[in-house]
Amino acid sequence: MSTTDETTPVPERRGARRDLIRRPRRRGEDRAKLRKALAEGYEAGASIRALSAEHELSYGLTRALLLEAEVALRSRRRRPRPQTAVAQ
């Protein structure tokens, strides 16, 4: 068996996902610090995708941490298509 740390044994993986690196779950103070850093970045104007890439997290985890931090998420702000002149 391989382990990610001394307390959590992880069974050996087989198949296509055997090279997957398992990262430990963020809990307690580490998670609180990460929530705060993500909230500050998001409120400064960074996108969820940019924050997830910067902190090497998945989009879903980044979004969940922002929601835990009670950050009001922005809309996706889809821009309307430009109006084209209709030929007559």
N, C-alpha and C. Protein backbone atom coordinates (compact mmCIF):
# COMPACT_ATOMS: atom_id res chain seq x y z
N MET A 1 0.83 -1.19 0.00
CA MET A 1 0.00 0.00 0.00
C MET A 1 0.87 1.24 0.00
N SER A 2 0.44 2.24 -0.76
CA SER A 2 1.12 3.52 -0.71
C SER A 2 0.33 4.45 0.20
N THR A 3 0.96 5.48 0.69
CA THR A 3 0.28 6.41 1.59
C THR A 3 0.53 7.83 1.16
N THR A 4 -0.46 8.69 1.43
CA THR A 4 -0.30 10.11 1.16
C THR A 4 0.32 10.81 2.36
N ASP A 5 0.08 10.30 3.52
CA ASP A 5 0.73 10.78 4.74
C ASP A 5 0.76 9.61 5.72
N GLU A 6 1.30 9.81 6.90
CA GLU A 6 1.49 8.71 7.83
C GLU A 6 0.19 8.13 8.39
N THR A 7 -0.91 8.88 8.34
CA THR A 7 -2.14 8.42 8.99
C THR A 7 -3.17 7.82 8.05
N THR A 8 -3.10 8.09 6.76
CA THR A 8 -4.13 7.65 5.84
C THR A 8 -3.59 6.68 4.81
N PRO A 9 -3.78 5.37 5.02
CA PRO A 9 -3.33 4.43 4.00
C PRO A 9 -4.24 4.49 2.78
N VAL A 10 -3.65 4.40 1.61
CA VAL A 10 -4.40 4.44 0.36
C VAL A 10 -4.09 3.15 -0.39
N PRO A 11 -5.13 2.41 -0.81
CA PRO A 11 -4.87 1.17 -1.55
C PRO A 11 -4.17 1.44 -2.87
N GLU A 12 -3.38 0.49 -3.32
CA GLU A 12 -2.68 0.61 -4.60
C GLU A 12 -3.70 0.69 -5.73
N ARG A 13 -3.52 1.63 -6.65
CA ARG A 13 -4.45 1.81 -7.77
C ARG A 13 -4.04 0.93 -8.94
N ARG A 14 -5.04 0.49 -9.68
CA ARG A 14 -4.82 -0.30 -10.88
C ARG A 14 -5.52 0.38 -12.04
N GLY A 15 -5.10 0.07 -13.24
CA GLY A 15 -5.80 0.56 -14.42
C GLY A 15 -5.37 1.96 -14.83
N ALA A 16 -6.27 2.63 -15.52
CA ALA A 16 -5.96 3.92 -16.12
C ALA A 16 -5.66 5.01 -15.10
N ARG A 17 -6.18 4.87 -13.91
CA ARG A 17 -6.01 5.93 -12.91
C ARG A 17 -4.87 5.64 -11.94
N ARG A 18 -4.02 4.69 -12.25
CA ARG A 18 -2.98 4.30 -11.30
C ARG A 18 -1.95 5.41 -11.07
N ASP A 19 -1.78 6.31 -12.06
CA ASP A 19 -0.81 7.39 -11.92
C ASP A 19 -1.42 8.64 -11.30
N LEU A 20 -2.69 8.58 -10.93
CA LEU A 20 -3.36 9.73 -10.33
C LEU A 20 -2.74 10.05 -8.98
N ILE A 21 -2.40 11.29 -8.79
CA ILE A 21 -1.82 11.71 -7.50
C ILE A 21 -2.96 12.17 -6.61
N ARG A 22 -3.08 11.54 -5.47
CA ARG A 22 -4.12 11.92 -4.52
C ARG A 22 -3.58 12.99 -3.59
N ARG A 23 -4.29 14.09 -3.54
CA ARG A 23 -3.91 15.17 -2.64
C ARG A 23 -4.71 15.05 -1.36
N PRO A 24 -4.12 15.36 -0.23
CA PRO A 24 -4.87 15.25 1.03
C PRO A 24 -6.00 16.27 1.08
N ARG A 25 -7.04 15.94 1.80
CA ARG A 25 -8.15 16.87 1.97
C ARG A 25 -7.70 18.05 2.81
N ARG A 26 -8.22 19.20 2.47
CA ARG A 26 -7.87 20.40 3.24
C ARG A 26 -8.90 20.55 4.35
N ARG A 27 -8.39 20.59 5.56
CA ARG A 27 -9.27 20.67 6.72
C ARG A 27 -8.75 21.70 7.70
N GLY A 28 -9.63 22.13 8.58
CA GLY A 28 -9.24 23.00 9.68
C GLY A 28 -8.65 24.32 9.24
N GLU A 29 -7.53 24.67 9.85
CA GLU A 29 -6.92 25.97 9.60
C GLU A 29 -6.43 26.12 8.16
N ASP A 30 -5.91 25.05 7.56
CA ASP A 30 -5.46 25.13 6.16
C ASP A 30 -6.62 25.49 5.24
N ARG A 31 -7.77 24.87 5.48
CA ARG A 31 -8.95 25.15 4.65
C ARG A 31 -9.43 26.58 4.87
N ALA A 32 -9.38 27.05 6.11
CA ALA A 32 -9.81 28.42 6.41
C ALA A 32 -8.89 29.43 5.72
N LYS A 33 -7.58 29.18 5.74
CA LYS A 33 -6.64 30.09 5.07
C LYS A 33 -6.88 30.11 3.56
N LEU A 34 -7.13 28.94 3.00
CA LEU A 34 -7.38 28.84 1.57
C LEU A 34 -8.67 29.56 1.20
N ARG A 35 -9.72 29.39 2.02
CA ARG A 35 -10.99 30.09 1.79
C ARG A 35 -10.78 31.60 1.77
N LYS A 36 -10.00 32.09 2.73
CA LYS A 36 -9.76 33.52 2.84
C LYS A 36 -8.98 34.03 1.62
N ALA A 37 -7.95 33.30 1.21
CA ALA A 37 -7.15 33.71 0.05
C ALA A 37 -8.00 33.72 -1.22
N LEU A 38 -8.83 32.70 -1.40
CA LEU A 38 -9.69 32.64 -2.57
C LEU A 38 -10.71 33.77 -2.57
N ALA A 39 -11.30 34.04 -1.40
CA ALA A 39 -12.29 35.11 -1.29
C ALA A 39 -11.67 36.46 -1.63
N GLU A 40 -10.47 36.71 -1.13
CA GLU A 40 -9.80 37.98 -1.41
C GLU A 40 -9.50 38.12 -2.90
N GLY A 41 -9.02 37.04 -3.51
CA GLY A 41 -8.73 37.08 -4.94
C GLY A 41 -9.97 37.29 -5.78
N TYR A 42 -11.05 36.60 -5.42
CA TYR A 42 -12.29 36.71 -6.18
C TYR A 42 -12.88 38.11 -6.05
N GLU A 43 -12.86 38.66 -4.84
CA GLU A 43 -13.39 40.00 -4.63
C GLU A 43 -12.53 41.06 -5.30
N ALA A 44 -11.25 40.73 -5.56
CA ALA A 44 -10.37 41.66 -6.28
C ALA A 44 -10.59 41.58 -7.79
N GLY A 45 -11.43 40.65 -8.24
CA GLY A 45 -11.78 40.59 -9.65
C GLY A 45 -11.33 39.35 -10.40
N ALA A 46 -10.62 38.45 -9.76
CA ALA A 46 -10.17 37.22 -10.43
C ALA A 46 -11.36 36.30 -10.69
N SER A 47 -11.28 35.52 -11.75
CA SER A 47 -12.34 34.55 -12.05
C SER A 47 -12.11 33.28 -11.24
N ILE A 48 -13.14 32.46 -11.15
CA ILE A 48 -13.03 31.19 -10.45
C ILE A 48 -11.99 30.31 -11.16
N ARG A 49 -12.03 30.31 -12.49
CA ARG A 49 -11.06 29.51 -13.25
C ARG A 49 -9.63 29.96 -13.00
N ALA A 50 -9.40 31.27 -12.95
CA ALA A 50 -8.05 31.79 -12.69
C ALA A 50 -7.59 31.40 -11.29
N LEU A 51 -8.49 31.49 -10.31
CA LEU A 51 -8.13 31.12 -8.93
C LEU A 51 -7.85 29.63 -8.83
N SER A 52 -8.64 28.81 -9.52
CA SER A 52 -8.44 27.37 -9.44
C SER A 52 -7.09 26.99 -10.06
N ALA A 53 -6.71 27.65 -11.14
CA ALA A 53 -5.41 27.38 -11.76
C ALA A 53 -4.27 27.86 -10.86
N GLU A 54 -4.42 29.03 -10.28
CA GLU A 54 -3.39 29.60 -9.42
C GLU A 54 -3.12 28.73 -8.19
N HIS A 55 -4.18 28.19 -7.60
CA HIS A 55 -4.05 27.40 -6.37
C HIS A 55 -4.02 25.90 -6.64
N GLU A 56 -4.02 25.51 -7.93
CA GLU A 56 -3.99 24.10 -8.34
C GLU A 56 -5.13 23.29 -7.72
N LEU A 57 -6.34 23.85 -7.85
CA LEU A 57 -7.55 23.21 -7.36
C LEU A 57 -8.50 22.98 -8.53
N SER A 58 -9.48 22.12 -8.33
CA SER A 58 -10.50 21.96 -9.35
C SER A 58 -11.44 23.16 -9.31
N TYR A 59 -12.12 23.38 -10.42
CA TYR A 59 -13.10 24.47 -10.49
C TYR A 59 -14.17 24.26 -9.41
N GLY A 60 -14.66 23.02 -9.28
CA GLY A 60 -15.72 22.73 -8.32
C GLY A 60 -15.31 22.99 -6.88
N LEU A 61 -14.10 22.59 -6.52
CA LEU A 61 -13.63 22.83 -5.15
C LEU A 61 -13.44 24.32 -4.91
N THR A 62 -12.91 25.02 -5.90
CA THR A 62 -12.71 26.46 -5.75
C THR A 62 -14.06 27.15 -5.53
N ARG A 63 -15.04 26.77 -6.32
CA ARG A 63 -16.37 27.36 -6.19
C ARG A 63 -16.99 27.03 -4.83
N ALA A 64 -16.83 25.78 -4.40
CA ALA A 64 -17.37 25.36 -3.10
C ALA A 64 -16.73 26.14 -1.96
N LEU A 65 -15.42 26.36 -2.03
CA LEU A 65 -14.74 27.12 -0.99
C LEU A 65 -15.19 28.57 -0.97
N LEU A 66 -15.43 29.14 -2.14
CA LEU A 66 -15.95 30.51 -2.18
C LEU A 66 -17.34 30.59 -1.57
N LEU A 67 -18.16 29.60 -1.83
CA LEU A 67 -19.50 29.57 -1.23
C LEU A 67 -19.41 29.39 0.28
N GLU A 68 -18.47 28.56 0.75
CA GLU A 68 -18.27 28.40 2.20
C GLU A 68 -17.85 29.71 2.83
N ALA A 69 -17.09 30.51 2.09
CA ALA A 69 -16.62 31.80 2.58
C ALA A 69 -17.71 32.87 2.48
N GLU A 70 -18.90 32.47 2.01
CA GLU A 70 -20.06 33.34 1.87
C GLU A 70 -19.78 34.52 0.94
N VAL A 71 -19.06 34.24 -0.14
CA VAL A 71 -18.78 35.25 -1.16
C VAL A 71 -19.95 35.26 -2.13
N ALA A 72 -20.43 36.45 -2.48
CA ALA A 72 -21.50 36.57 -3.47
C ALA A 72 -20.87 36.38 -4.85
N LEU A 73 -21.24 35.29 -5.53
CA LEU A 73 -20.66 35.00 -6.83
C LEU A 73 -21.25 35.91 -7.89
N ARG A 74 -20.40 36.33 -8.82
CA ARG A 74 -20.84 37.17 -9.93
C ARG A 74 -21.56 36.31 -10.96
N SER A 75 -22.37 36.97 -11.78
CA SER A 75 -22.99 36.24 -12.89
C SER A 75 -21.90 36.00 -13.93
N ARG A 76 -22.19 35.16 -14.89
CA ARG A 76 -21.20 34.85 -15.91
C ARG A 76 -21.06 35.98 -16.92
N ARG A 77 -21.92 36.96 -16.86
CA ARG A 77 -21.87 38.17 -17.69
C ARG A 77 -21.68 37.87 -19.16
N ARG A 78 -22.53 37.05 -19.68
CA ARG A 78 -22.44 36.77 -21.11
C ARG A 78 -22.76 38.04 -21.87
N ARG A 79 -21.91 38.35 -22.79
CA ARG A 79 -22.10 39.56 -23.58
C ARG A 79 -23.09 39.27 -24.70
N PRO A 80 -24.00 40.20 -24.92
CA PRO A 80 -24.94 39.99 -26.03
C PRO A 80 -24.21 40.06 -27.36
N ARG A 81 -24.74 39.36 -28.33
CA ARG A 81 -24.15 39.40 -29.68
C ARG A 81 -24.30 40.79 -30.26
N PRO A 82 -23.30 41.25 -30.95
CA PRO A 82 -23.45 42.59 -31.58
C PRO A 82 -24.53 42.56 -32.64
N GLN A 83 -25.27 43.64 -32.70
CA GLN A 83 -26.34 43.75 -33.70
C GLN A 83 -25.71 43.99 -35.06
N THR A 84 -26.11 43.19 -36.02
CA THR A 84 -25.61 43.39 -37.38
C THR A 84 -26.70 44.07 -38.21
N ALA A 85 -26.28 44.89 -39.11
CA ALA A 85 -27.25 45.59 -39.97
C ALA A 85 -27.91 44.58 -40.91
N VAL A 86 -29.19 44.64 -40.99
CA VAL A 86 -29.93 43.73 -41.86
C VAL A 86 -29.99 44.36 -43.25
N ALA A 87 -29.53 43.61 -44.25
CA ALA A 87 -29.53 44.11 -45.63
C ALA A 87 -30.96 44.17 -46.14
N GLN A 88 -31.29 45.27 -46.80
CA GLN A 88 -32.66 45.41 -47.35
C GLN A 88 -32.62 45.49 -48.83
